[in-house]
Amino acid sequence: MTDAQFHAVFGQSLWIIVGSVIAFAISQLVDVGVFWLVRHKTGGKYLWMRATGSTVVSQLIDSFVIIGVAFWLPGKVKTSEFLMVAGANYSYKLLIALAVTPLLYVGHSIIDRFLGPEESNRLIAASAQASEENAF
């Protein structure tokens, strides 16, 4: 294997790793922030809105940052290709987020049955209070 062949196969790895780390850090902070904001604005109601809404926003950022850093910035793809791939990547993530939303309610129901509604509500209230105390 020549250096050129090695670089052609593994040279992109560093860009992918850096893009992944940056995208993960930014998108997770945005996800938590949007989730908390929607929860605060709706008074803890509309689980589907805060869970799906925060994912919709954070995955948009994740999709464009990782593809941008990994492939567009180093000049491996043209801008049109970058937008097409990032858009397709985001579309896939959006469909998954929407498909998983009903499972949130199933999980919530299971937890309520296991803990009981009183204990479940107490833990939710304690978590909300702690998050408001630790808000930026």
Protein backbone atom coordinates (compact mmCIF):
# COMPACT_ATOMS: atom_id res chain seq x y z
CA MET A 1 0.00 0.00 0.00
CA THR A 2 1.39 3.40 -0.94
CA ASP A 3 1.17 6.56 1.15
CA ALA A 4 -1.31 8.00 -1.34
CA GLN A 5 -3.55 4.95 -1.03
CA PHE A 6 -3.33 5.01 2.76
CA HIS A 7 -4.16 8.71 2.84
CA ALA A 8 -7.05 8.22 0.42
CA VAL A 9 -8.62 5.63 2.72
CA PHE A 10 -7.72 6.88 6.20
CA GLY A 11 -6.89 10.56 5.67
CA GLN A 12 -10.49 11.59 6.02
CA SER A 13 -10.81 9.96 9.45
CA LEU A 14 -9.45 12.93 11.38
CA TRP A 15 -11.95 15.29 9.76
CA ILE A 16 -14.80 12.87 10.50
CA ILE A 17 -13.75 12.50 14.13
CA VAL A 18 -13.35 16.26 14.64
CA GLY A 19 -16.69 16.91 12.92
CA SER A 20 -18.40 14.28 15.06
CA VAL A 21 -17.08 15.69 18.32
CA ILE A 22 -17.97 19.27 17.42
CA ALA A 23 -21.42 18.31 16.12
CA PHE A 24 -22.14 16.17 19.18
CA ALA A 25 -21.13 18.89 21.63
CA ILE A 26 -23.10 21.65 19.93
CA SER A 27 -26.20 19.57 19.17
CA GLN A 28 -26.42 18.15 22.69
CA LEU A 29 -26.24 21.60 24.26
CA VAL A 30 -28.89 22.86 21.85
CA ASP A 31 -31.07 19.77 22.46
CA VAL A 32 -31.02 20.24 26.23
CA GLY A 33 -31.56 23.98 25.92
CA VAL A 34 -34.54 23.69 23.58
CA PHE A 35 -36.03 20.84 25.66
CA TRP A 36 -35.77 22.93 28.84
CA LEU A 37 -37.11 26.07 27.14
CA VAL A 38 -40.15 24.29 25.70
CA ARG A 39 -40.77 22.52 29.02
CA HIS A 40 -40.57 25.84 30.86
CA LYS A 41 -42.85 27.64 28.36
CA THR A 42 -45.49 24.85 28.36
CA GLY A 43 -45.45 24.25 32.12
CA GLY A 44 -44.26 20.67 31.71
CA LYS A 45 -47.02 19.74 29.29
CA TYR A 46 -46.72 18.51 25.72
CA LEU A 47 -43.99 15.88 26.13
CA TRP A 48 -44.12 15.24 22.38
CA MET A 49 -43.45 18.90 21.60
CA ARG A 50 -40.39 19.25 23.79
CA ALA A 51 -38.89 15.87 22.94
CA THR A 52 -39.48 16.03 19.20
CA GLY A 53 -38.95 19.78 18.94
CA SER A 54 -35.58 19.69 20.67
CA THR A 55 -34.50 16.76 18.51
CA VAL A 56 -35.66 18.47 15.31
CA VAL A 57 -33.55 21.54 16.09
CA SER A 58 -30.48 19.74 17.45
CA GLN A 59 -30.31 17.19 14.65
CA LEU A 60 -30.50 19.94 12.05
CA ILE A 61 -27.38 21.42 13.58
CA ASP A 62 -25.75 18.00 14.00
CA SER A 63 -26.35 17.01 10.39
CA PHE A 64 -24.93 20.16 8.88
CA VAL A 65 -21.98 20.51 11.27
CA ILE A 66 -20.69 16.95 10.91
CA ILE A 67 -21.01 16.83 7.13
CA GLY A 68 -19.63 20.35 6.86
CA VAL A 69 -16.56 19.76 9.01
CA ALA A 70 -15.89 16.24 7.75
CA PHE A 71 -16.31 16.78 4.02
CA TRP A 72 -17.14 20.34 2.96
CA LEU A 73 -14.46 22.31 4.87
CA PRO A 74 -11.60 20.10 3.66
CA GLY A 75 -12.92 20.51 0.11
CA LYS A 76 -13.90 16.88 -0.45
CA VAL A 77 -17.38 17.81 -1.69
CA LYS A 78 -18.90 20.80 -3.47
CA THR A 79 -21.36 23.07 -1.69
CA SER A 80 -24.29 21.59 -3.62
CA GLU A 81 -23.26 18.06 -2.64
CA PHE A 82 -22.78 19.13 0.97
CA LEU A 83 -26.27 20.62 1.11
CA MET A 84 -27.80 17.56 -0.56
CA VAL A 85 -26.08 15.05 1.75
CA ALA A 86 -26.67 17.09 4.91
CA GLY A 87 -30.32 17.60 3.94
CA ALA A 88 -30.82 13.88 3.31
CA ASN A 89 -29.05 13.06 6.58
CA TYR A 90 -31.33 15.46 8.45
CA SER A 91 -34.46 14.11 6.72
CA TYR A 92 -33.60 10.60 7.86
CA LYS A 93 -33.05 11.78 11.44
CA LEU A 94 -36.31 13.75 11.36
CA LEU A 95 -38.29 10.70 10.25
CA ILE A 96 -36.74 8.60 13.02
CA ALA A 97 -37.52 11.29 15.62
CA LEU A 98 -41.15 11.41 14.53
CA ALA A 99 -41.44 7.61 14.47
CA VAL A 100 -40.01 7.30 17.98
CA THR A 101 -42.33 9.90 19.53
CA PRO A 102 -45.11 7.39 20.35
CA LEU A 103 -42.52 5.28 22.19
CA LEU A 104 -41.96 8.20 24.57
CA TYR A 105 -45.55 7.93 25.69
CA VAL A 106 -45.26 4.16 26.09
CA GLY A 107 -42.14 4.62 28.22
CA HIS A 108 -43.80 7.36 30.25
CA SER A 109 -46.80 5.13 30.87
CA ILE A 110 -44.61 2.21 31.97
CA ILE A 111 -42.72 4.43 34.40
CA ASP A 112 -45.98 5.84 35.80
CA ARG A 113 -47.31 2.32 36.35
CA PHE A 114 -44.05 1.14 37.93
CA LEU A 115 -43.53 4.12 40.26
CA GLY A 116 -47.13 5.17 40.64
CA PRO A 117 -48.42 8.51 39.43
CA GLU A 118 -47.67 10.31 42.71
CA GLU A 119 -44.00 9.28 42.86
CA SER A 120 -43.58 9.88 39.14
CA ASN A 121 -45.00 13.40 39.43
CA ARG A 122 -42.88 14.09 42.52
CA LEU A 123 -39.69 13.09 40.66
CA ILE A 124 -40.67 15.17 37.63
CA ALA A 125 -41.30 18.21 39.84
CA ALA A 126 -38.00 17.72 41.68
CA SER A 127 -36.14 17.43 38.37
CA ALA A 128 -37.81 20.58 37.02
CA GLN A 129 -36.94 22.49 40.17
CA ALA A 130 -33.32 21.33 40.05
CA SER A 131 -32.99 22.27 36.39
CA GLU A 132 -34.39 25.76 37.07
CA GLU A 133 -31.97 26.23 39.96
CA ASN A 134 -29.05 25.19 37.75
CA ALA A 135 -30.15 27.16 34.67
CA PHE A 136 -27.63 29.50 33.12
